[in-house]
Amino acid sequence: MNKKLVLALAGVLVLAAAGAWKWSGNRAQTAGQEASPAVAGRNAAPAAGAPALVTLAAAQKQDVPITVQVNGSVVSLNSVELRPQVTNTVREVHVKEGQFVKQGQLLFSLDDRPDQANLAKARAQQQKDEATLGDLERQYRRSQELVAQNFIARSAVDATLSQLQAQRAAVAADKAAVQSAQVALGYATLRAPIAGRIGAVNIYPGTLVQPTLTMVTITQLDPIAVSFPVPEGRLQDLLAAARENTPVEALVPGRSTPMKGGLNFVDNTVDPLIGTVRAKAVFDNTDQGLWPGQFVETRVTVRTLSGATVIPAAAVMMLAEGSSVYVVDADHKATRRKVQILHNFGTRVAVKGVEPGEQVVIEGKQNVRPGGKVRLDASSAQPASRPAGAPEATPGSAAAVEPVRQAVVAERERT
């Protein structure tokens, strides 16, 4: 009997303990649910009708330069491959490879002895024919005097005139032959057609050269050009900039300041494969800062948006109906507004559809509803703990959440 009584009492105690444990767990869960909105804070979506926590930025008015910055390549304005006009032997080399030369400077001398002989022969023939021409002119004058006195027939005068005209033609041919010999003799000396820098020289005295052989290459270095591609969307701006000789900057590695030149050429076709048009700018290159074939970063301002409205790029939402932003008025009411993007530069964007001074939402856009209220993110503007003399925490702020969180923790520790 006593044994049954003990078992019954033990069962009652077990049931009582289970009930007490369940009652304390439900109490803690209820307290946690009451504090959960405050604890979640910014991480949870606001309840229906509650203001969304956001960060704002003011739209600004400023001039925005539209700059195209691409990689370009340095090209020479003139590059000449020097070749001989005739097959001949090199007699003397007057330059060294890598040397800077002036226009008209003597570079190579070829064997000119045959040409000198041909020129002398042509001049001797010219002198002989000119002597014969002088004799025929004297004969013609005497025959005219004789025919006037009826000492000779008129046909004799005509025959002398015919010989005189033929000799005049022979002298003219001699002069042409002399000129031809002089031209051939000029081929024996090769001079620089442009001013520039000599490339590698692989020609030496005694080398037999012919018209198919390139003796040396001369490249102009000052001034020099930079060729760079521009997206076809900026073609019209680029054409307008070319008419005004717009400045172009070349960022050369190793130089603290960019080199400045002028835009002077835009190609007449757009590359259909990559959608770019080729442009060219000319630079003064007295210090040889630019070298043909070098890659440099090129920057050109094709247009400037005067008095444009600028906002952070984070405020723009790309939606199906277009680009939009949330504009917040003085009553903290958010309105979705469509905007037109004019130009992106870095972390900011120039838009049309927002007035300077208006506040736009840059953080928390996912919780904002059109026409709904918003509240500013206090944590981004002030510390979580309120210093002495600071105003009391508003409902939902970090300062108001902290006491509730501590109460929940203490309650769980007691249970």
Protein backbone atom coordinates (compact mmCIF):
# COMPACT_ATOMS: atom_id res chain seq x y z
CA MET A 1 0.00 0.00 0.00
CA ASN A 2 2.79 2.35 0.91
CA LYS A 3 4.56 1.44 -2.33
CA LYS A 4 1.52 2.43 -4.44
CA LEU A 5 1.23 5.70 -2.56
CA VAL A 6 4.87 6.57 -3.27
CA LEU A 7 4.47 5.87 -7.00
CA ALA A 8 1.35 8.07 -7.16
CA LEU A 9 3.10 10.95 -5.42
CA ALA A 10 6.09 10.63 -7.79
CA GLY A 11 3.76 10.85 -10.82
CA VAL A 12 2.10 13.99 -9.47
CA LEU A 13 5.49 15.61 -8.94
CA VAL A 14 6.59 14.79 -12.52
CA LEU A 15 3.40 16.30 -14.00
CA ALA A 16 3.79 19.40 -11.89
CA ALA A 17 7.39 19.89 -13.01
CA ALA A 18 6.44 19.47 -16.70
CA GLY A 19 3.67 22.03 -16.39
CA ALA A 20 5.98 24.54 -14.75
CA TRP A 21 8.60 24.10 -17.47
CA LYS A 22 6.05 24.58 -20.26
CA TRP A 23 4.59 27.67 -18.56
CA SER A 24 8.03 29.34 -18.25
CA GLY A 25 8.93 28.54 -21.91
CA ASN A 26 5.72 30.05 -23.24
CA ARG A 27 6.31 33.17 -21.15
CA ALA A 28 9.83 33.64 -22.56
CA GLN A 29 8.64 33.03 -26.13
CA THR A 30 5.90 35.62 -25.74
CA ALA A 31 8.40 38.19 -24.44
CA GLY A 32 10.75 37.46 -27.38
CA GLN A 33 7.97 37.88 -29.92
CA GLU A 34 7.03 41.23 -28.40
CA ALA A 35 10.62 42.46 -28.66
CA SER A 36 11.44 40.95 -32.09
CA PRO A 37 10.45 43.96 -34.23
CA ALA A 38 12.70 46.22 -32.21
CA VAL A 39 15.57 43.73 -32.18
CA ALA A 40 15.38 43.13 -35.93
CA GLY A 41 15.61 46.87 -36.58
CA ARG A 42 16.92 47.57 -40.05
CA ASN A 43 17.35 43.92 -41.03
CA ALA A 44 13.63 43.12 -41.11
CA ALA A 45 11.04 44.53 -43.49
CA PRO A 46 8.81 47.16 -41.86
CA ALA A 47 5.33 46.21 -40.88
CA ALA A 48 2.43 47.32 -43.01
CA GLY A 49 2.11 51.12 -42.74
CA ALA A 50 5.40 51.55 -40.80
CA PRO A 51 7.91 54.12 -42.18
CA ALA A 52 10.84 52.55 -44.04
CA LEU A 53 14.35 53.21 -42.75
CA VAL A 54 16.35 54.96 -45.52
CA THR A 55 19.44 57.04 -46.22
CA LEU A 56 19.04 60.20 -48.30
CA ALA A 57 21.28 62.35 -50.50
CA ALA A 58 20.64 65.77 -52.00
CA ALA A 59 20.74 66.32 -55.78
CA GLN A 60 23.39 68.84 -56.84
CA LYS A 61 23.75 71.20 -59.78
CA GLN A 62 27.11 71.28 -61.57
CA ASP A 63 28.82 71.25 -64.96
CA VAL A 64 29.55 67.67 -66.03
CA PRO A 65 32.25 67.08 -68.67
CA ILE A 66 31.59 64.08 -70.91
CA THR A 67 35.00 62.49 -71.16
CA VAL A 68 36.01 59.55 -73.33
CA GLN A 69 38.99 57.69 -71.88
CA VAL A 70 40.36 54.83 -73.99
CA ASN A 71 43.66 53.20 -74.86
CA GLY A 72 45.37 54.57 -77.95
CA SER A 73 48.52 53.84 -79.92
CA VAL A 74 51.24 56.26 -80.96
CA VAL A 75 51.70 56.57 -84.72
CA SER A 76 54.07 58.67 -86.80
CA LEU A 77 52.67 61.33 -89.08
CA ASN A 78 55.27 60.43 -91.74
CA SER A 79 57.33 57.31 -92.21
CA VAL A 80 59.39 56.78 -95.37
CA GLU A 81 61.17 53.68 -96.64
CA LEU A 82 64.16 54.91 -98.63
CA ARG A 83 64.94 52.82 -101.73
CA PRO A 84 67.35 53.41 -104.66
CA GLN A 85 65.96 54.27 -108.07
CA VAL A 86 68.58 52.24 -109.96
CA THR A 87 70.71 49.18 -109.42
CA ASN A 88 74.09 50.39 -108.27
CA THR A 89 76.86 49.92 -105.73
CA VAL A 90 77.04 51.92 -102.50
CA ARG A 91 80.13 54.12 -102.43
CA GLU A 92 79.71 55.81 -99.03
CA VAL A 93 77.30 55.79 -96.03
CA HIS A 94 76.93 59.23 -94.40
CA VAL A 95 74.66 58.39 -91.40
CA LYS A 96 74.50 56.05 -88.43
CA GLU A 97 71.49 54.07 -87.28
CA GLY A 98 69.35 55.88 -84.74
CA GLN A 99 70.56 59.28 -85.91
CA PHE A 100 68.21 62.25 -86.25
CA VAL A 101 68.41 63.82 -89.71
CA LYS A 102 67.07 66.97 -91.33
CA GLN A 103 65.13 67.16 -94.56
CA GLY A 104 67.51 67.09 -97.53
CA GLN A 105 70.46 65.72 -95.56
CA LEU A 106 72.77 63.39 -97.54
CA LEU A 107 72.42 59.76 -96.45
CA PHE A 108 74.07 57.53 -99.08
CA SER A 109 76.33 58.00 -102.10
CA LEU A 110 76.33 55.44 -104.92
CA ASP A 111 78.91 54.83 -107.64
CA ASP A 112 78.30 57.73 -110.04
CA ARG A 113 81.17 57.27 -112.52
CA PRO A 114 79.00 55.88 -115.35
CA ASP A 115 76.47 58.65 -114.84
CA GLN A 116 79.17 61.31 -114.85
CA ALA A 117 80.48 59.94 -118.16
CA ASN A 118 77.01 59.90 -119.71
CA LEU A 119 76.44 63.48 -118.62
CA ALA A 120 79.73 64.62 -120.14
CA LYS A 121 78.92 62.82 -123.39
CA ALA A 122 75.49 64.45 -123.58
CA ARG A 123 76.93 67.89 -122.98
CA ALA A 124 79.60 67.38 -125.68
CA GLN A 125 76.96 66.35 -128.19
CA GLN A 126 74.94 69.42 -127.27
CA GLN A 127 77.93 71.69 -127.84
CA LYS A 128 78.63 70.07 -131.24
CA ASP A 129 75.04 70.50 -132.40
CA GLU A 130 74.93 74.08 -131.14
CA ALA A 131 78.05 74.87 -133.27
CA THR A 132 76.42 73.36 -136.34
CA LEU A 133 73.28 75.34 -135.56
CA GLY A 134 75.27 78.58 -135.49
CA ASP A 135 76.80 77.84 -138.89
CA LEU A 136 73.39 77.11 -140.44
CA GLU A 137 71.98 80.35 -139.04
CA ARG A 138 74.80 82.33 -140.72
CA GLN A 139 74.22 80.50 -144.02
CA TYR A 140 70.53 81.26 -143.88
CA ARG A 141 71.14 84.99 -143.34
CA ARG A 142 73.56 85.11 -146.34
CA SER A 143 71.13 83.22 -148.58
CA GLN A 144 68.42 85.74 -147.76
CA GLU A 145 70.70 88.57 -148.87
CA LEU A 146 71.60 86.75 -152.08
CA VAL A 147 68.05 85.91 -153.02
CA ALA A 148 67.16 89.58 -152.55
CA GLN A 149 69.78 90.42 -155.20
CA ASN A 150 68.60 87.52 -157.42
CA PHE A 151 71.96 85.78 -157.21
CA ILE A 152 70.44 82.43 -156.05
CA ALA A 153 67.13 80.73 -156.48
CA ARG A 154 64.41 80.80 -153.86
CA SER A 155 64.60 77.01 -153.48
CA ALA A 156 68.18 77.27 -152.20
CA VAL A 157 66.97 79.53 -149.38
CA ASP A 158 64.19 77.11 -148.49
CA ALA A 159 66.67 74.19 -148.34
CA THR A 160 68.93 76.15 -145.96
CA LEU A 161 65.92 77.01 -143.77
CA SER A 162 64.95 73.33 -143.57
CA GLN A 163 68.44 72.37 -142.42
CA LEU A 164 68.38 75.17 -139.84
CA GLN A 165 65.08 74.00 -138.32
CA ALA A 166 66.29 70.37 -138.17
CA GLN A 167 69.45 71.47 -136.37
CA ARG A 168 67.43 73.47 -133.87
CA ALA A 169 65.44 70.30 -133.07
CA ALA A 170 68.70 68.38 -132.65
CA VAL A 171 69.97 70.94 -130.15
CA ALA A 172 66.68 70.70 -128.22
CA ALA A 173 67.11 66.91 -128.11
CA ASP A 174 70.63 67.36 -126.83
CA LYS A 175 69.40 69.57 -124.03
CA ALA A 176 66.86 66.89 -123.04
CA ALA A 177 69.61 64.26 -123.09
CA VAL A 178 71.74 66.40 -120.78
CA GLN A 179 68.80 66.83 -118.43
CA SER A 180 68.19 63.06 -118.43
CA ALA A 181 71.85 62.42 -117.65
CA GLN A 182 71.63 64.88 -114.75
CA VAL A 183 68.59 63.07 -113.35
CA ALA A 184 70.37 59.72 -113.60
CA LEU A 185 73.35 61.25 -111.84
CA GLY A 186 71.03 62.49 -109.07
CA TYR A 187 70.01 58.90 -108.36
CA ALA A 188 73.56 58.30 -107.15
CA THR A 189 72.94 60.42 -104.03
CA LEU A 190 70.13 59.57 -101.59
CA ARG A 191 68.91 62.36 -99.32
CA ALA A 192 66.38 62.44 -96.48
CA PRO A 193 62.90 63.32 -97.86
CA ILE A 194 61.65 64.26 -94.36
CA ALA A 195 63.10 65.18 -90.99
CA GLY A 196 63.07 62.33 -88.52
CA ARG A 197 64.96 59.49 -86.92
CA ILE A 198 66.91 56.86 -88.84
CA GLY A 199 66.11 53.23 -88.16
CA ALA A 200 68.45 50.29 -88.46
CA VAL A 201 71.11 50.64 -91.17
CA ASN A 202 72.19 47.37 -92.79
CA ILE A 203 73.86 48.95 -95.83
CA TYR A 204 77.63 49.29 -96.07
CA PRO A 205 80.07 50.62 -98.71
CA GLY A 206 80.32 48.13 -101.56
CA THR A 207 76.79 46.75 -101.11
CA LEU A 208 74.92 46.20 -104.37
CA VAL A 209 71.48 47.76 -104.02
CA GLN A 210 68.45 47.66 -106.30
CA PRO A 211 65.01 49.32 -106.36
CA THR A 212 63.35 46.44 -104.45
CA LEU A 213 65.66 46.86 -101.43
CA THR A 214 64.80 49.17 -98.51
CA MET A 215 68.01 50.87 -97.48
CA VAL A 216 66.70 52.67 -94.39
CA THR A 217 63.44 53.85 -92.79
CA ILE A 218 62.96 57.44 -91.62
CA THR A 219 60.25 58.10 -89.03
CA GLN A 220 59.01 61.54 -88.05
CA LEU A 221 58.84 61.97 -84.26
CA ASP A 222 58.01 65.65 -83.82
CA PRO A 223 55.17 66.32 -84.11
CA ILE A 224 53.63 62.89 -83.56
CA ALA A 225 50.09 61.51 -83.42
CA VAL A 226 48.04 59.22 -81.16
CA SER A 227 45.32 57.11 -82.75
CA PHE A 228 42.46 55.96 -80.50
CA PRO A 229 38.96 54.41 -80.91
CA VAL A 230 35.81 56.22 -79.80
CA PRO A 231 32.41 54.50 -79.32
CA GLU A 232 30.03 55.27 -82.16
CA GLY A 233 27.51 56.65 -79.66
CA ARG A 234 29.83 59.65 -79.22
CA LEU A 235 30.40 60.18 -82.95
CA GLN A 236 28.45 63.42 -83.29
CA ASP A 237 30.06 64.89 -80.19
CA LEU A 238 33.45 63.83 -81.54
CA LEU A 239 32.84 65.51 -84.91
CA ALA A 240 31.84 68.74 -83.17
CA ALA A 241 34.95 68.52 -80.99
CA ALA A 242 37.18 68.00 -84.04
CA ARG A 243 35.90 71.21 -85.62
CA GLU A 244 36.97 73.14 -82.52
CA ASN A 245 40.41 71.51 -82.21
CA THR A 246 39.50 70.11 -78.78
CA PRO A 247 42.43 69.34 -76.47
CA VAL A 248 43.38 65.69 -75.98
CA GLU A 249 45.46 64.33 -73.10
CA ALA A 250 47.82 61.35 -73.30
CA LEU A 251 48.69 59.67 -70.00
CA VAL A 252 52.22 58.37 -70.54
CA PRO A 253 53.63 55.89 -68.00
CA GLY A 254 56.46 57.43 -66.03
CA ARG A 255 55.33 61.05 -66.49
CA SER A 256 53.72 62.98 -63.65
CA THR A 257 51.64 65.18 -65.96
CA PRO A 258 49.76 64.18 -69.11
CA MET A 259 50.90 65.35 -72.53
CA LYS A 260 48.46 67.67 -74.29
CA GLY A 261 47.65 67.72 -78.00
CA GLY A 262 44.84 68.65 -80.35
CA LEU A 263 42.15 66.53 -82.01
CA ASN A 264 42.50 66.95 -85.78
CA PHE A 265 41.12 63.83 -87.49
CA VAL A 266 38.05 61.58 -87.35
CA ASP A 267 37.83 58.60 -89.69
CA ASN A 268 35.09 58.50 -92.34
CA THR A 269 33.77 55.04 -91.40
CA VAL A 270 32.68 53.18 -88.26
CA ASP A 271 34.11 49.73 -87.66
CA PRO A 272 30.99 47.49 -87.83
CA LEU A 273 32.64 44.68 -85.85
CA ILE A 274 33.40 46.62 -82.68
CA GLY A 275 31.25 49.75 -83.17
CA THR A 276 34.01 52.35 -82.88
CA VAL A 277 35.35 55.15 -85.03
CA ARG A 278 39.07 55.92 -85.25
CA ALA A 279 40.26 59.39 -84.20
CA LYS A 280 43.70 60.97 -84.18
CA ALA A 281 45.31 63.74 -82.14
CA VAL A 282 48.62 65.52 -82.82
CA PHE A 283 51.15 66.21 -80.04
CA ASP A 284 54.35 68.24 -79.82
CA ASN A 285 57.07 65.72 -79.08
CA THR A 286 60.28 67.67 -78.68
CA ASP A 287 61.36 65.58 -75.68
CA GLN A 288 60.41 62.26 -77.36
CA GLY A 289 57.88 61.43 -74.65
CA LEU A 290 55.82 59.55 -77.22
CA TRP A 291 57.29 56.77 -79.35
CA PRO A 292 55.74 55.10 -82.41
CA GLY A 293 53.96 51.86 -81.50
CA GLN A 294 53.61 52.79 -77.83
CA PHE A 295 50.25 52.25 -76.06
CA VAL A 296 49.01 55.21 -74.00
CA GLU A 297 45.79 56.05 -72.20
CA THR A 298 43.99 58.81 -74.09
CA ARG A 299 41.43 61.20 -72.61
CA VAL A 300 39.28 63.70 -74.49
CA THR A 301 36.32 65.79 -73.33
CA VAL A 302 33.85 65.70 -76.22
CA ARG A 303 31.10 67.76 -74.57
CA THR A 304 30.13 69.47 -71.30
CA LEU A 305 26.67 69.33 -69.70
CA SER A 306 26.18 72.80 -68.25
CA GLY A 307 24.14 73.03 -65.02
CA ALA A 308 23.27 69.34 -64.93
CA THR A 309 21.56 67.67 -61.95
CA VAL A 310 23.87 65.10 -60.33
CA ILE A 311 22.86 62.36 -57.87
CA PRO A 312 24.61 59.22 -56.54
CA ALA A 313 24.36 56.28 -58.91
CA ALA A 314 23.09 54.14 -56.01
CA ALA A 315 19.83 56.10 -56.04
CA VAL A 316 18.86 54.95 -59.54
CA MET A 317 16.61 51.88 -59.87
CA MET A 318 16.63 49.99 -63.17
CA LEU A 319 13.03 48.84 -63.59
CA ALA A 320 11.13 47.33 -66.49
CA GLU A 321 9.51 50.66 -67.31
CA GLY A 322 12.82 52.53 -67.17
CA SER A 323 15.09 54.26 -64.69
CA SER A 324 13.48 55.65 -61.54
CA VAL A 325 14.40 57.18 -58.19
CA TYR A 326 12.57 57.76 -54.92
CA VAL A 327 12.24 61.46 -54.11
CA VAL A 328 11.43 62.38 -50.49
CA ASP A 329 9.63 65.64 -49.70
CA ALA A 330 9.63 67.73 -46.51
CA ASP A 331 6.93 65.52 -44.95
CA HIS A 332 9.13 62.41 -45.39
CA LYS A 333 6.84 61.09 -48.10
CA ALA A 334 8.55 59.07 -50.85
CA THR A 335 7.48 59.41 -54.48
CA ARG A 336 8.78 57.27 -57.31
CA ARG A 337 9.86 59.41 -60.25
CA LYS A 338 11.14 58.42 -63.69
CA VAL A 339 14.45 59.93 -64.70
CA GLN A 340 16.56 60.06 -67.83
CA ILE A 341 20.21 59.19 -67.42
CA LEU A 342 22.40 61.69 -69.27
CA HIS A 343 25.88 60.55 -68.28
CA ASN A 344 27.54 58.16 -65.81
CA PHE A 345 30.86 59.13 -64.24
CA GLY A 346 32.31 57.15 -61.38
CA THR A 347 29.81 56.70 -58.53
CA ARG A 348 27.62 59.58 -59.69
CA VAL A 349 25.22 60.13 -62.55
CA ALA A 350 23.76 63.16 -64.31
CA VAL A 351 19.99 62.82 -64.71
CA LYS A 352 17.00 64.66 -66.06
CA GLY A 353 13.81 64.60 -64.01
CA VAL A 354 15.13 65.64 -60.59
CA GLU A 355 15.66 69.22 -59.47
CA PRO A 356 18.77 70.34 -57.59
CA GLY A 357 18.25 70.27 -53.82
CA GLU A 358 15.68 67.45 -53.83
CA GLN A 359 16.36 64.47 -51.54
CA VAL A 360 16.66 61.02 -53.12
CA VAL A 361 16.86 57.62 -51.44
CA ILE A 362 20.22 55.87 -51.81
CA GLU A 363 19.84 53.07 -49.22
CA GLY A 364 16.75 51.14 -48.17
CA LYS A 365 14.94 51.47 -51.50
CA GLN A 366 13.73 47.86 -51.28
CA ASN A 367 11.51 48.73 -48.27
CA VAL A 368 10.06 51.95 -49.68
CA ARG A 369 6.57 52.00 -51.12
CA PRO A 370 5.42 54.73 -53.52
CA GLY A 371 3.59 57.38 -51.52
CA GLY A 372 4.66 55.85 -48.21
CA LYS A 373 6.43 57.48 -45.30
CA VAL A 374 10.14 57.06 -44.62
CA ARG A 375 12.37 57.74 -41.65
CA LEU A 376 16.05 58.62 -41.72
CA ASP A 377 18.69 56.12 -40.72
CA ALA A 378 19.80 57.55 -37.38
CA SER A 379 22.68 55.11 -37.01
CA SER A 380 24.43 56.58 -40.05
CA ALA A 381 24.22 60.12 -38.60
CA GLN A 382 24.72 59.62 -34.81
CA PRO A 383 26.16 56.96 -32.43
CA ALA A 384 24.00 54.20 -30.95
CA SER A 385 24.50 55.29 -27.33
CA ARG A 386 22.98 58.65 -26.46
CA PRO A 387 25.43 61.02 -24.82
CA ALA A 388 24.50 63.31 -21.98
CA GLY A 389 22.20 66.11 -23.08
CA ALA A 390 21.14 64.34 -26.27
CA PRO A 391 17.42 64.00 -27.09
CA GLU A 392 15.62 60.83 -26.16
CA ALA A 393 15.55 57.91 -28.57
CA THR A 394 12.62 57.72 -30.93
CA PRO A 395 10.59 54.47 -31.27
CA GLY A 396 12.33 52.01 -33.53
CA SER A 397 15.76 53.66 -33.25
CA ALA A 398 18.88 51.85 -32.09
CA ALA A 399 18.77 53.56 -28.68
CA ALA A 400 15.18 52.38 -28.08
CA VAL A 401 15.90 48.80 -29.13
CA GLU A 402 18.81 48.29 -26.76
CA PRO A 403 16.79 48.28 -23.45
CA VAL A 404 14.25 45.84 -24.85
CA ARG A 405 17.03 43.52 -26.02
CA GLN A 406 18.62 43.57 -22.56
CA ALA A 407 15.27 42.79 -20.89
CA VAL A 408 14.74 39.76 -23.13
CA VAL A 409 18.23 38.45 -22.39
CA ALA A 410 17.70 38.84 -18.65
CA GLU A 411 14.35 37.06 -18.82
CA ARG A 412 15.86 34.11 -20.67
CA GLU A 413 18.65 33.86 -18.07
CA ARG A 414 16.11 33.73 -15.21
CA THR A 415 14.11 30.99 -16.91
